[in-house]
Amino acid sequence: MHAALGDPGRLAIVDALVLGEASPSELQRLLDMPSNLLAHHVGVLERAGVVGRHRSEGDRRRSYLRLTPGSLEALRPKAVREAVRIVFVCTENSARSQLAAAIWAGTAPVRATSAGTHPAQAVHPGAVAAAARHRLPLTPATPRHVNDVLRTDDVVITVCDAAHEELGAGPERLHWSIPDPARHGDDAAFDRAVAELTDRIGRLAPVIRPIDPSTS
């Protein structure tokens, strides 16, 4: 593993994946790295067990890279950005994004809300039940469209591959590939989503700083 990390290019890839996932093409643009060199470095990191690859739930032709859970457990980002508000986005704004905002509410001083690219009629009952099991402050409200929620100074975190692919990458956006618990519909699927979101938010929240209103 130390050998795999002993190259500036591979360290840059790891740094880019500390907070979220990215497709190879997104990493190539972000790091301004030729595709053949990126493929070489990613291959080294995959063989060392540092980086994993999974297929998108949205566009099945696309894959995402992420740090392998537990491979770099001590790795933590430094304060990376300031934010007025965090907006979690999934397709229907009925489960993952709602749960993420509820988890965030008890974790960080920066405000959070949620939205969807194609809002459902209501919050999924499985998400409401999961929030109750985990004592999360989720108050079911009518899902909202991103166009009615997003402001220019928001930090956007997509928690759904399809929503990320529809909105696109950006400097104030992060992406987390959280499997859709509604596809299975059972308690275990929603509990897994809560666990994954809790872990990711626990890593991100300490390095997001609220913007001082007097300086904005």
N, C-alpha and C. Protein backbone atom coordinates (compact mmCIF):
# COMPACT_ATOMS: atom_id res chain seq x y z
N MET A 1 0.82 -1.20 0.00
CA MET A 1 0.00 0.00 0.00
C MET A 1 0.86 1.26 0.00
N HIS A 2 1.94 1.24 0.81
CA HIS A 2 2.82 2.40 0.83
C HIS A 2 3.47 2.63 -0.53
N ALA A 3 3.81 1.55 -1.19
CA ALA A 3 4.39 1.68 -2.52
C ALA A 3 3.38 2.27 -3.50
N ALA A 4 2.13 1.83 -3.37
CA ALA A 4 1.08 2.34 -4.27
C ALA A 4 0.87 3.83 -4.06
N LEU A 5 1.05 4.30 -2.84
CA LEU A 5 0.84 5.72 -2.55
C LEU A 5 2.09 6.56 -2.77
N GLY A 6 3.18 5.92 -3.16
CA GLY A 6 4.44 6.63 -3.32
C GLY A 6 4.60 7.32 -4.66
N ASP A 7 3.56 7.93 -5.15
CA ASP A 7 3.59 8.67 -6.42
C ASP A 7 2.65 9.86 -6.30
N PRO A 8 3.10 11.05 -6.70
CA PRO A 8 2.24 12.24 -6.57
C PRO A 8 0.90 12.11 -7.30
N GLY A 9 0.90 11.45 -8.45
CA GLY A 9 -0.34 11.29 -9.20
C GLY A 9 -1.34 10.43 -8.45
N ARG A 10 -0.85 9.34 -7.84
CA ARG A 10 -1.76 8.47 -7.10
C ARG A 10 -2.23 9.13 -5.81
N LEU A 11 -1.37 9.92 -5.18
CA LEU A 11 -1.80 10.68 -4.00
C LEU A 11 -2.88 11.69 -4.37
N ALA A 12 -2.76 12.29 -5.55
CA ALA A 12 -3.78 13.25 -6.00
C ALA A 12 -5.12 12.55 -6.20
N ILE A 13 -5.09 11.33 -6.73
CA ILE A 13 -6.33 10.56 -6.92
C ILE A 13 -6.96 10.26 -5.57
N VAL A 14 -6.15 9.81 -4.61
CA VAL A 14 -6.66 9.52 -3.27
C VAL A 14 -7.25 10.77 -2.64
N ASP A 15 -6.55 11.89 -2.74
CA ASP A 15 -7.06 13.15 -2.19
C ASP A 15 -8.42 13.50 -2.79
N ALA A 16 -8.56 13.27 -4.10
CA ALA A 16 -9.81 13.63 -4.77
C ALA A 16 -10.96 12.73 -4.35
N LEU A 17 -10.65 11.53 -3.83
CA LEU A 17 -11.70 10.57 -3.46
C LEU A 17 -11.96 10.51 -1.96
N VAL A 18 -11.26 11.33 -1.17
CA VAL A 18 -11.46 11.30 0.28
C VAL A 18 -12.89 11.67 0.66
N LEU A 19 -13.46 12.64 -0.02
CA LEU A 19 -14.78 13.14 0.36
C LEU A 19 -15.93 12.53 -0.43
N GLY A 20 -15.64 11.89 -1.56
CA GLY A 20 -16.73 11.35 -2.36
C GLY A 20 -16.21 10.53 -3.52
N GLU A 21 -17.13 10.12 -4.38
CA GLU A 21 -16.79 9.29 -5.52
C GLU A 21 -16.70 10.11 -6.81
N ALA A 22 -16.07 9.53 -7.81
CA ALA A 22 -15.98 10.19 -9.11
C ALA A 22 -15.79 9.13 -10.17
N SER A 23 -16.29 9.42 -11.36
CA SER A 23 -16.04 8.53 -12.48
C SER A 23 -14.63 8.80 -13.01
N PRO A 24 -14.04 7.86 -13.74
CA PRO A 24 -12.71 8.11 -14.30
C PRO A 24 -12.64 9.38 -15.14
N SER A 25 -13.68 9.65 -15.94
CA SER A 25 -13.65 10.85 -16.77
C SER A 25 -13.71 12.12 -15.92
N GLU A 26 -14.45 12.07 -14.81
CA GLU A 26 -14.50 13.23 -13.92
C GLU A 26 -13.15 13.46 -13.25
N LEU A 27 -12.49 12.37 -12.83
CA LEU A 27 -11.16 12.50 -12.25
C LEU A 27 -10.17 13.04 -13.26
N GLN A 28 -10.28 12.58 -14.50
CA GLN A 28 -9.37 13.05 -15.53
C GLN A 28 -9.47 14.56 -15.70
N ARG A 29 -10.70 15.08 -15.74
CA ARG A 29 -10.88 16.53 -15.88
C ARG A 29 -10.41 17.27 -14.63
N LEU A 30 -10.74 16.72 -13.46
CA LEU A 30 -10.38 17.38 -12.21
C LEU A 30 -8.87 17.49 -12.03
N LEU A 31 -8.16 16.42 -12.38
CA LEU A 31 -6.72 16.37 -12.15
C LEU A 31 -5.91 16.75 -13.38
N ASP A 32 -6.60 16.99 -14.50
CA ASP A 32 -5.92 17.32 -15.75
C ASP A 32 -4.84 16.29 -16.05
N MET A 33 -5.24 15.03 -16.03
CA MET A 33 -4.32 13.91 -16.19
C MET A 33 -4.70 13.13 -17.44
N PRO A 34 -3.76 12.79 -18.30
CA PRO A 34 -4.07 11.99 -19.50
C PRO A 34 -4.77 10.68 -19.11
N SER A 35 -5.69 10.24 -19.96
CA SER A 35 -6.49 9.07 -19.63
C SER A 35 -5.64 7.81 -19.43
N ASN A 36 -4.59 7.63 -20.24
CA ASN A 36 -3.77 6.43 -20.08
C ASN A 36 -3.00 6.45 -18.77
N LEU A 37 -2.54 7.64 -18.34
CA LEU A 37 -1.81 7.74 -17.08
C LEU A 37 -2.77 7.53 -15.90
N LEU A 38 -3.98 8.10 -16.01
CA LEU A 38 -4.96 7.90 -14.97
C LEU A 38 -5.31 6.43 -14.83
N ALA A 39 -5.51 5.74 -15.95
CA ALA A 39 -5.85 4.32 -15.92
C ALA A 39 -4.74 3.52 -15.24
N HIS A 40 -3.48 3.88 -15.53
CA HIS A 40 -2.35 3.18 -14.90
C HIS A 40 -2.37 3.38 -13.39
N HIS A 41 -2.51 4.62 -12.95
CA HIS A 41 -2.49 4.90 -11.51
C HIS A 41 -3.67 4.25 -10.80
N VAL A 42 -4.86 4.30 -11.41
CA VAL A 42 -6.03 3.68 -10.80
C VAL A 42 -5.82 2.17 -10.69
N GLY A 43 -5.23 1.57 -11.72
CA GLY A 43 -4.96 0.14 -11.67
C GLY A 43 -4.04 -0.24 -10.52
N VAL A 44 -3.02 0.57 -10.29
CA VAL A 44 -2.10 0.32 -9.17
C VAL A 44 -2.85 0.41 -7.84
N LEU A 45 -3.68 1.43 -7.70
CA LEU A 45 -4.43 1.62 -6.46
C LEU A 45 -5.46 0.51 -6.25
N GLU A 46 -6.08 0.04 -7.34
CA GLU A 46 -7.04 -1.06 -7.22
C GLU A 46 -6.33 -2.34 -6.78
N ARG A 47 -5.19 -2.63 -7.37
CA ARG A 47 -4.46 -3.85 -7.00
C ARG A 47 -3.97 -3.81 -5.56
N ALA A 48 -3.71 -2.62 -5.06
CA ALA A 48 -3.27 -2.47 -3.67
C ALA A 48 -4.44 -2.45 -2.69
N GLY A 49 -5.67 -2.49 -3.20
CA GLY A 49 -6.83 -2.50 -2.33
C GLY A 49 -7.20 -1.15 -1.78
N VAL A 50 -6.66 -0.08 -2.37
CA VAL A 50 -6.94 1.28 -1.88
C VAL A 50 -8.20 1.84 -2.52
N VAL A 51 -8.41 1.54 -3.79
CA VAL A 51 -9.54 2.07 -4.56
C VAL A 51 -10.38 0.93 -5.11
N GLY A 52 -11.68 1.11 -5.08
CA GLY A 52 -12.60 0.14 -5.67
C GLY A 52 -13.44 0.79 -6.75
N ARG A 53 -14.07 -0.02 -7.56
CA ARG A 53 -14.87 0.47 -8.69
C ARG A 53 -16.23 -0.21 -8.65
N HIS A 54 -17.29 0.52 -8.91
CA HIS A 54 -18.61 -0.07 -8.97
C HIS A 54 -19.42 0.57 -10.08
N ARG A 55 -20.41 -0.17 -10.56
CA ARG A 55 -21.24 0.28 -11.67
C ARG A 55 -22.32 1.22 -11.17
N SER A 56 -22.62 2.24 -11.96
CA SER A 56 -23.66 3.21 -11.61
C SER A 56 -25.03 2.55 -11.58
N GLU A 57 -25.86 2.95 -10.61
CA GLU A 57 -27.25 2.52 -10.59
C GLU A 57 -28.08 3.26 -11.63
N GLY A 58 -27.55 4.41 -12.10
CA GLY A 58 -28.26 5.18 -13.11
C GLY A 58 -27.86 4.73 -14.51
N ASP A 59 -26.77 5.29 -15.02
CA ASP A 59 -26.23 4.93 -16.33
C ASP A 59 -25.32 3.73 -16.17
N ARG A 60 -25.79 2.55 -16.53
CA ARG A 60 -25.03 1.33 -16.29
C ARG A 60 -23.74 1.26 -17.10
N ARG A 61 -23.58 2.16 -18.05
CA ARG A 61 -22.32 2.19 -18.80
C ARG A 61 -21.23 2.90 -18.03
N ARG A 62 -21.59 3.60 -16.97
CA ARG A 62 -20.65 4.41 -16.21
C ARG A 62 -20.24 3.68 -14.93
N SER A 63 -18.98 3.87 -14.54
CA SER A 63 -18.52 3.32 -13.27
C SER A 63 -17.99 4.45 -12.40
N TYR A 64 -17.97 4.21 -11.10
CA TYR A 64 -17.46 5.18 -10.14
C TYR A 64 -16.32 4.57 -9.34
N LEU A 65 -15.38 5.41 -8.99
CA LEU A 65 -14.25 5.01 -8.15
C LEU A 65 -14.46 5.58 -6.76
N ARG A 66 -14.10 4.80 -5.75
CA ARG A 66 -14.16 5.28 -4.37
C ARG A 66 -13.05 4.63 -3.57
N LEU A 67 -12.67 5.26 -2.47
CA LEU A 67 -11.70 4.63 -1.58
C LEU A 67 -12.34 3.40 -0.95
N THR A 68 -11.59 2.32 -0.89
CA THR A 68 -12.09 1.09 -0.29
C THR A 68 -12.30 1.31 1.20
N PRO A 69 -13.51 1.06 1.72
CA PRO A 69 -13.77 1.27 3.14
C PRO A 69 -12.75 0.54 4.01
N GLY A 70 -12.17 1.25 4.96
CA GLY A 70 -11.21 0.66 5.88
C GLY A 70 -9.78 0.65 5.40
N SER A 71 -9.55 0.92 4.11
CA SER A 71 -8.17 0.82 3.60
C SER A 71 -7.28 1.93 4.12
N LEU A 72 -7.86 3.10 4.29
CA LEU A 72 -7.09 4.25 4.80
C LEU A 72 -7.88 4.88 5.94
N GLU A 73 -8.13 4.07 6.96
CA GLU A 73 -9.04 4.48 8.04
C GLU A 73 -8.56 5.74 8.75
N ALA A 74 -7.24 5.93 8.82
CA ALA A 74 -6.72 7.10 9.54
C ALA A 74 -6.69 8.35 8.68
N LEU A 75 -7.02 8.20 7.40
CA LEU A 75 -6.94 9.35 6.49
C LEU A 75 -8.15 10.24 6.70
N ARG A 76 -7.89 11.51 6.99
CA ARG A 76 -8.96 12.48 7.17
C ARG A 76 -8.58 13.75 6.41
N PRO A 77 -9.54 14.35 5.74
CA PRO A 77 -9.24 15.59 5.02
C PRO A 77 -9.07 16.75 5.99
N LYS A 78 -8.34 17.76 5.56
CA LYS A 78 -8.28 19.01 6.30
C LYS A 78 -9.53 19.82 5.95
N ALA A 79 -9.73 20.94 6.65
CA ALA A 79 -10.89 21.78 6.33
C ALA A 79 -10.84 22.14 4.85
N VAL A 80 -11.84 21.76 4.11
CA VAL A 80 -11.78 21.91 2.66
C VAL A 80 -12.64 23.04 2.12
N ARG A 81 -13.67 23.42 2.84
CA ARG A 81 -14.53 24.45 2.30
C ARG A 81 -15.43 25.03 3.38
N GLU A 82 -15.93 26.19 3.07
CA GLU A 82 -16.93 26.82 3.92
C GLU A 82 -18.27 26.70 3.20
N ALA A 83 -19.34 26.73 3.97
CA ALA A 83 -20.66 26.57 3.36
C ALA A 83 -21.70 27.33 4.15
N VAL A 84 -22.65 27.89 3.44
CA VAL A 84 -23.84 28.48 4.07
C VAL A 84 -24.85 27.37 4.34
N ARG A 85 -24.98 26.44 3.38
CA ARG A 85 -25.96 25.38 3.50
C ARG A 85 -25.53 24.18 2.68
N ILE A 86 -25.86 22.98 3.17
CA ILE A 86 -25.66 21.73 2.45
C ILE A 86 -27.01 21.28 1.91
N VAL A 87 -27.04 20.87 0.64
CA VAL A 87 -28.27 20.33 0.06
C VAL A 87 -27.98 18.91 -0.44
N PHE A 88 -28.66 17.94 0.16
CA PHE A 88 -28.54 16.55 -0.27
C PHE A 88 -29.59 16.30 -1.36
N VAL A 89 -29.15 15.66 -2.44
CA VAL A 89 -30.04 15.46 -3.59
C VAL A 89 -30.05 13.99 -4.01
N CYS A 90 -31.26 13.44 -4.18
CA CYS A 90 -31.42 12.15 -4.84
C CYS A 90 -32.52 12.32 -5.89
N THR A 91 -32.93 11.25 -6.52
CA THR A 91 -33.89 11.39 -7.60
C THR A 91 -35.26 11.84 -7.10
N GLU A 92 -35.82 11.09 -6.16
CA GLU A 92 -37.20 11.35 -5.74
C GLU A 92 -37.31 12.18 -4.46
N ASN A 93 -36.19 12.45 -3.80
CA ASN A 93 -36.23 13.18 -2.53
C ASN A 93 -37.19 12.52 -1.54
N SER A 94 -37.20 11.18 -1.57
CA SER A 94 -38.13 10.45 -0.72
C SER A 94 -37.45 9.55 0.29
N ALA A 95 -36.12 9.34 0.17
CA ALA A 95 -35.47 8.43 1.11
C ALA A 95 -34.04 8.89 1.43
N ARG A 96 -33.10 8.62 0.52
CA ARG A 96 -31.70 8.87 0.84
C ARG A 96 -31.41 10.33 1.19
N SER A 97 -31.88 11.25 0.39
CA SER A 97 -31.59 12.66 0.66
C SER A 97 -32.29 13.14 1.93
N GLN A 98 -33.49 12.64 2.18
CA GLN A 98 -34.22 12.99 3.41
C GLN A 98 -33.48 12.46 4.63
N LEU A 99 -33.03 11.22 4.57
CA LEU A 99 -32.29 10.63 5.68
C LEU A 99 -30.97 11.35 5.90
N ALA A 100 -30.28 11.71 4.81
CA ALA A 100 -29.00 12.41 4.94
C ALA A 100 -29.17 13.75 5.65
N ALA A 101 -30.19 14.51 5.27
CA ALA A 101 -30.42 15.80 5.92
C ALA A 101 -30.75 15.62 7.39
N ALA A 102 -31.49 14.56 7.73
CA ALA A 102 -31.83 14.31 9.13
C ALA A 102 -30.59 13.92 9.94
N ILE A 103 -29.71 13.12 9.36
CA ILE A 103 -28.48 12.74 10.04
C ILE A 103 -27.59 13.96 10.24
N TRP A 104 -27.48 14.76 9.18
CA TRP A 104 -26.62 15.95 9.25
C TRP A 104 -27.09 16.91 10.34
N ALA A 105 -28.39 17.00 10.54
CA ALA A 105 -28.95 17.98 11.48
C ALA A 105 -28.39 17.83 12.88
N GLY A 106 -28.04 16.62 13.28
CA GLY A 106 -27.49 16.43 14.62
C GLY A 106 -25.99 16.34 14.65
N THR A 107 -25.32 16.70 13.55
CA THR A 107 -23.88 16.47 13.44
C THR A 107 -23.06 17.73 13.26
N ALA A 108 -23.58 18.72 12.54
CA ALA A 108 -22.77 19.86 12.15
C ALA A 108 -23.54 21.17 12.31
N PRO A 109 -22.80 22.30 12.49
CA PRO A 109 -23.47 23.59 12.64
C PRO A 109 -24.00 24.18 11.34
N VAL A 110 -23.52 23.70 10.21
CA VAL A 110 -24.00 24.19 8.92
C VAL A 110 -25.39 23.62 8.65
N ARG A 111 -26.31 24.44 8.19
CA ARG A 111 -27.67 23.99 7.91
C ARG A 111 -27.69 23.03 6.72
N ALA A 112 -28.70 22.17 6.70
CA ALA A 112 -28.84 21.21 5.60
C ALA A 112 -30.30 21.05 5.25
N THR A 113 -30.55 20.75 3.98
CA THR A 113 -31.89 20.42 3.52
C THR A 113 -31.75 19.39 2.40
N SER A 114 -32.84 19.08 1.71
CA SER A 114 -32.78 18.06 0.67
C SER A 114 -33.71 18.42 -0.48
N ALA A 115 -33.48 17.75 -1.61
CA ALA A 115 -34.28 18.00 -2.81
C ALA A 115 -34.13 16.80 -3.74
N GLY A 116 -34.93 16.81 -4.82
CA GLY A 116 -34.88 15.72 -5.78
C GLY A 116 -34.93 16.22 -7.20
N THR A 117 -34.40 15.44 -8.12
CA THR A 117 -34.47 15.82 -9.54
C THR A 117 -35.82 15.46 -10.14
N HIS A 118 -36.49 14.46 -9.57
CA HIS A 118 -37.84 14.06 -9.99
C HIS A 118 -38.62 13.68 -8.73
N PRO A 119 -39.11 14.67 -7.99
CA PRO A 119 -39.68 14.41 -6.67
C PRO A 119 -40.86 13.45 -6.70
N ALA A 120 -40.91 12.61 -5.66
CA ALA A 120 -42.04 11.70 -5.49
C ALA A 120 -43.21 12.45 -4.85
N GLN A 121 -44.30 11.76 -4.71
CA GLN A 121 -45.48 12.34 -4.09
C GLN A 121 -45.29 12.54 -2.58
N ALA A 122 -44.52 11.63 -1.96
CA ALA A 122 -44.37 11.68 -0.51
C ALA A 122 -43.06 10.99 -0.11
N VAL A 123 -42.64 11.22 1.11
CA VAL A 123 -41.47 10.53 1.66
C VAL A 123 -41.80 9.05 1.79
N HIS A 124 -40.85 8.19 1.46
CA HIS A 124 -41.06 6.74 1.49
C HIS A 124 -41.30 6.29 2.93
N PRO A 125 -42.32 5.46 3.16
CA PRO A 125 -42.58 4.97 4.52
C PRO A 125 -41.38 4.25 5.13
N GLY A 126 -40.58 3.60 4.30
CA GLY A 126 -39.39 2.92 4.82
C GLY A 126 -38.39 3.89 5.39
N ALA A 127 -38.28 5.08 4.79
CA ALA A 127 -37.37 6.09 5.30
C ALA A 127 -37.88 6.65 6.63
N VAL A 128 -39.18 6.85 6.71
CA VAL A 128 -39.78 7.35 7.96
C VAL A 128 -39.56 6.34 9.08
N ALA A 129 -39.77 5.07 8.78
CA ALA A 129 -39.59 4.02 9.79
C ALA A 129 -38.12 3.91 10.20
N ALA A 130 -37.22 4.00 9.22
CA ALA A 130 -35.79 3.93 9.55
C ALA A 130 -35.37 5.09 10.43
N ALA A 131 -35.87 6.29 10.12
CA ALA A 131 -35.55 7.45 10.94
C ALA A 131 -36.02 7.25 12.37
N ALA A 132 -37.20 6.67 12.54
CA ALA A 132 -37.72 6.40 13.88
C ALA A 132 -36.84 5.39 14.61
N ARG A 133 -36.41 4.33 13.90
CA ARG A 133 -35.57 3.31 14.54
C ARG A 133 -34.25 3.89 15.00
N HIS A 134 -33.71 4.83 14.22
CA HIS A 134 -32.40 5.40 14.53
C HIS A 134 -32.50 6.75 15.23
N ARG A 135 -33.70 7.13 15.61
CA ARG A 135 -33.95 8.37 16.35
C ARG A 135 -33.41 9.59 15.60
N LEU A 136 -33.73 9.66 14.34
CA LEU A 136 -33.33 10.78 13.51
C LEU A 136 -34.47 11.79 13.40
N PRO A 137 -34.15 13.08 13.37
CA PRO A 137 -35.21 14.10 13.31
C PRO A 137 -35.75 14.31 11.91
N LEU A 138 -36.37 13.28 11.36
CA LEU A 138 -36.95 13.38 10.02
C LEU A 138 -38.44 13.68 10.16
N THR A 139 -38.83 14.87 9.72
CA THR A 139 -40.24 15.25 9.70
C THR A 139 -40.72 15.15 8.26
N PRO A 140 -41.55 14.16 7.95
CA PRO A 140 -41.97 14.00 6.55
C PRO A 140 -42.62 15.26 5.99
N ALA A 141 -42.12 15.69 4.86
CA ALA A 141 -42.68 16.85 4.16
C ALA A 141 -42.73 16.50 2.68
N THR A 142 -43.52 17.21 1.92
CA THR A 142 -43.63 16.93 0.49
C THR A 142 -42.27 17.09 -0.18
N PRO A 143 -41.79 16.06 -0.89
CA PRO A 143 -40.51 16.18 -1.60
C PRO A 143 -40.51 17.38 -2.54
N ARG A 144 -39.33 18.01 -2.67
CA ARG A 144 -39.21 19.24 -3.45
C ARG A 144 -38.23 19.06 -4.60
N HIS A 145 -38.45 19.82 -5.66
CA HIS A 145 -37.58 19.79 -6.84
C HIS A 145 -36.35 20.65 -6.59
N VAL A 146 -35.21 20.21 -7.14
CA VAL A 146 -33.97 20.96 -6.94
C VAL A 146 -34.10 22.41 -7.40
N ASN A 147 -34.84 22.65 -8.48
CA ASN A 147 -34.97 24.02 -8.99
C ASN A 147 -35.66 24.95 -7.99
N ASP A 148 -36.44 24.37 -7.08
CA ASP A 148 -37.14 25.17 -6.09
C ASP A 148 -36.34 25.32 -4.79
N VAL A 149 -35.20 24.65 -4.73
CA VAL A 149 -34.44 24.61 -3.48
C VAL A 149 -33.05 25.23 -3.62
N LEU A 150 -32.33 24.87 -4.69
CA LEU A 150 -30.91 25.23 -4.80
C LEU A 150 -30.70 26.73 -4.94
N ARG A 151 -29.65 27.19 -4.22
CA ARG A 151 -29.16 28.55 -4.36
C ARG A 151 -27.72 28.50 -4.82
N THR A 152 -27.21 29.60 -5.31
CA THR A 152 -25.87 29.59 -5.90
C THR A 152 -24.77 29.30 -4.90
N ASP A 153 -25.01 29.58 -3.60
CA ASP A 153 -23.97 29.36 -2.61
C ASP A 153 -24.10 28.02 -1.88
N ASP A 154 -25.01 27.14 -2.33
CA ASP A 154 -25.17 25.84 -1.69
C ASP A 154 -24.03 24.89 -2.06
N VAL A 155 -23.65 24.05 -1.11
CA VAL A 155 -22.79 22.90 -1.40
C VAL A 155 -23.73 21.71 -1.61
N VAL A 156 -23.68 21.12 -2.80
CA VAL A 156 -24.60 20.05 -3.18
C VAL A 156 -23.90 18.70 -3.02
N ILE A 157 -24.59 17.78 -2.36
CA ILE A 157 -24.09 16.41 -2.25
C ILE A 157 -25.15 15.49 -2.84
N THR A 158 -24.85 14.90 -3.98
CA THR A 158 -25.77 13.94 -4.58
C THR A 158 -25.54 12.58 -3.91
N VAL A 159 -26.63 11.94 -3.50
CA VAL A 159 -26.53 10.64 -2.84
C VAL A 159 -27.18 9.56 -3.70
N CYS A 160 -27.24 9.84 -4.99
CA CYS A 160 -27.91 8.97 -5.95
C CYS A 160 -27.18 9.12 -7.28
N ASP A 161 -26.78 8.00 -7.89
CA ASP A 161 -26.03 8.07 -9.15
C ASP A 161 -26.82 8.79 -10.23
N ALA A 162 -28.10 8.47 -10.35
CA ALA A 162 -28.90 9.08 -11.41
C ALA A 162 -29.00 10.59 -11.25
N ALA A 163 -29.16 11.06 -10.01
CA ALA A 163 -29.23 12.50 -9.77
C ALA A 163 -27.91 13.16 -10.10
N HIS A 164 -26.80 12.53 -9.73
CA HIS A 164 -25.49 13.08 -10.05
C HIS A 164 -25.29 13.18 -11.55
N GLU A 165 -25.69 12.15 -12.26
CA GLU A 165 -25.50 12.15 -13.71
C GLU A 165 -26.40 13.17 -14.40
N GLU A 166 -27.53 13.47 -13.79
CA GLU A 166 -28.42 14.48 -14.36
C GLU A 166 -27.92 15.90 -14.07
N LEU A 167 -27.43 16.13 -12.86
CA LEU A 167 -26.97 17.47 -12.48
C LEU A 167 -25.57 17.76 -12.99
N GLY A 168 -24.71 16.72 -13.04
CA GLY A 168 -23.34 16.92 -13.47
C GLY A 168 -22.43 17.30 -12.32
N ALA A 169 -21.14 17.12 -12.53
CA ALA A 169 -20.14 17.46 -11.52
C ALA A 169 -19.94 18.97 -11.49
N GLY A 170 -19.40 19.46 -10.38
CA GLY A 170 -19.14 20.88 -10.25
C GLY A 170 -18.26 21.16 -9.05
N PRO A 171 -17.68 22.35 -8.97
CA PRO A 171 -16.75 22.67 -7.88
C PRO A 171 -17.40 22.66 -6.51
N GLU A 172 -18.69 22.92 -6.42
CA GLU A 172 -19.38 22.92 -5.13
C GLU A 172 -20.28 21.70 -4.99
N ARG A 173 -19.87 20.59 -5.61
CA ARG A 173 -20.67 19.37 -5.56
C ARG A 173 -19.81 18.18 -5.20
N LEU A 174 -20.38 17.31 -4.38
CA LEU A 174 -19.78 16.02 -4.05
C LEU A 174 -20.77 14.94 -4.44
N HIS A 175 -20.25 13.75 -4.67
CA HIS A 175 -21.14 12.64 -5.01
C HIS A 175 -20.85 11.43 -4.13
N TRP A 176 -21.93 10.87 -3.57
CA TRP A 176 -21.86 9.63 -2.82
C TRP A 176 -22.79 8.62 -3.48
N SER A 177 -22.27 7.47 -3.86
CA SER A 177 -23.10 6.41 -4.46
C SER A 177 -23.74 5.59 -3.36
N ILE A 178 -24.93 5.97 -2.96
CA ILE A 178 -25.67 5.23 -1.93
C ILE A 178 -26.73 4.38 -2.63
N PRO A 179 -26.68 3.06 -2.50
CA PRO A 179 -27.69 2.22 -3.15
C PRO A 179 -29.10 2.60 -2.72
N ASP A 180 -30.03 2.54 -3.64
CA ASP A 180 -31.41 2.93 -3.37
C ASP A 180 -32.10 1.88 -2.49
N PRO A 181 -32.42 2.22 -1.24
CA PRO A 181 -33.05 1.22 -0.37
C PRO A 181 -34.47 0.86 -0.80
N ALA A 182 -35.12 1.75 -1.55
CA ALA A 182 -36.49 1.47 -1.99
C ALA A 182 -36.53 0.33 -3.00
N ARG A 183 -35.42 0.02 -3.65
CA ARG A 183 -35.41 -1.09 -4.61
C ARG A 183 -35.66 -2.41 -3.90
N HIS A 184 -35.19 -2.52 -2.66
CA HIS A 184 -35.44 -3.74 -1.88
C HIS A 184 -36.67 -3.54 -1.00
N GLY A 185 -36.78 -2.36 -0.40
CA GLY A 185 -37.96 -2.02 0.36
C GLY A 185 -38.03 -2.56 1.77
N ASP A 186 -37.04 -3.39 2.18
CA ASP A 186 -37.10 -3.94 3.53
C ASP A 186 -36.33 -3.08 4.52
N ASP A 187 -36.53 -3.34 5.81
CA ASP A 187 -35.88 -2.54 6.85
C ASP A 187 -34.36 -2.58 6.73
N ALA A 188 -33.83 -3.75 6.38
CA ALA A 188 -32.37 -3.89 6.32
C ALA A 188 -31.77 -2.95 5.28
N ALA A 189 -32.44 -2.78 4.14
CA ALA A 189 -31.92 -1.90 3.09
C ALA A 189 -31.90 -0.46 3.57
N PHE A 190 -32.94 -0.03 4.26
CA PHE A 190 -32.96 1.34 4.77
C PHE A 190 -31.94 1.51 5.90
N ASP A 191 -31.75 0.49 6.72
CA ASP A 191 -30.75 0.58 7.78
C ASP A 191 -29.34 0.66 7.20
N ARG A 192 -29.10 -0.06 6.09
CA ARG A 192 -27.79 0.04 5.44
C ARG A 192 -27.56 1.44 4.90
N ALA A 193 -28.59 2.04 4.33
CA ALA A 193 -28.46 3.41 3.82
C ALA A 193 -28.16 4.37 4.96
N VAL A 194 -28.83 4.21 6.09
CA VAL A 194 -28.56 5.07 7.25
C VAL A 194 -27.12 4.89 7.72
N ALA A 195 -26.65 3.65 7.79
CA ALA A 195 -25.28 3.39 8.25
C ALA A 195 -24.25 4.03 7.31
N GLU A 196 -24.47 3.86 6.00
CA GLU A 196 -23.54 4.44 5.02
C GLU A 196 -23.53 5.96 5.09
N LEU A 197 -24.70 6.55 5.18
CA LEU A 197 -24.79 8.01 5.25
C LEU A 197 -24.18 8.53 6.55
N THR A 198 -24.42 7.83 7.65
CA THR A 198 -23.87 8.24 8.93
C THR A 198 -22.35 8.24 8.90
N ASP A 199 -21.77 7.19 8.29
CA ASP A 199 -20.31 7.11 8.20
C ASP A 199 -19.75 8.26 7.36
N ARG A 200 -20.36 8.50 6.22
CA ARG A 200 -19.83 9.54 5.33
C ARG A 200 -20.01 10.93 5.94
N ILE A 201 -21.16 11.17 6.54
CA ILE A 201 -21.39 12.48 7.15
C ILE A 201 -20.45 12.67 8.33
N GLY A 202 -20.18 11.61 9.07
CA GLY A 202 -19.25 11.70 10.19
C GLY A 202 -17.85 12.09 9.76
N ARG A 203 -17.48 11.73 8.54
CA ARG A 203 -16.16 12.10 8.02
C ARG A 203 -16.16 13.52 7.44
N LEU A 204 -17.26 13.91 6.85
CA LEU A 204 -17.30 15.21 6.17
C LEU A 204 -17.61 16.36 7.12
N ALA A 205 -18.56 16.17 8.01
CA ALA A 205 -19.05 17.28 8.83
C ALA A 205 -17.96 18.04 9.58
N PRO A 206 -16.96 17.36 10.16
CA PRO A 206 -15.95 18.12 10.91
C PRO A 206 -15.10 19.07 10.07
N VAL A 207 -15.10 18.90 8.75
CA VAL A 207 -14.25 19.76 7.93
C VAL A 207 -15.04 20.75 7.09
N ILE A 208 -16.33 20.85 7.36
CA ILE A 208 -17.16 21.88 6.72
C ILE A 208 -17.37 22.99 7.74
N ARG A 209 -16.98 24.18 7.37
CA ARG A 209 -17.07 25.32 8.28
C ARG A 209 -18.20 26.24 7.84
N PRO A 210 -19.01 26.70 8.81
CA PRO A 210 -20.07 27.66 8.43
C PRO A 210 -19.46 29.00 8.03
N ILE A 211 -20.02 29.62 7.01
CA ILE A 211 -19.56 30.94 6.59
C ILE A 211 -20.10 31.98 7.57
N ASP A 212 -19.22 32.83 8.01
CA ASP A 212 -19.59 33.91 8.93
C ASP A 212 -20.49 34.89 8.17
N PRO A 213 -21.74 35.07 8.62
CA PRO A 213 -22.65 35.97 7.89
C PRO A 213 -22.10 37.39 7.75
N SER A 214 -21.26 37.82 8.67
CA SER A 214 -20.73 39.18 8.59
C SER A 214 -19.72 39.37 7.47
N THR A 215 -19.22 38.23 6.93
CA THR A 215 -18.23 38.33 5.86
C THR A 215 -18.81 37.93 4.52
N SER A 216 -20.07 37.47 4.51
CA SER A 216 -20.65 37.00 3.25
C SER A 216 -21.35 38.15 2.51
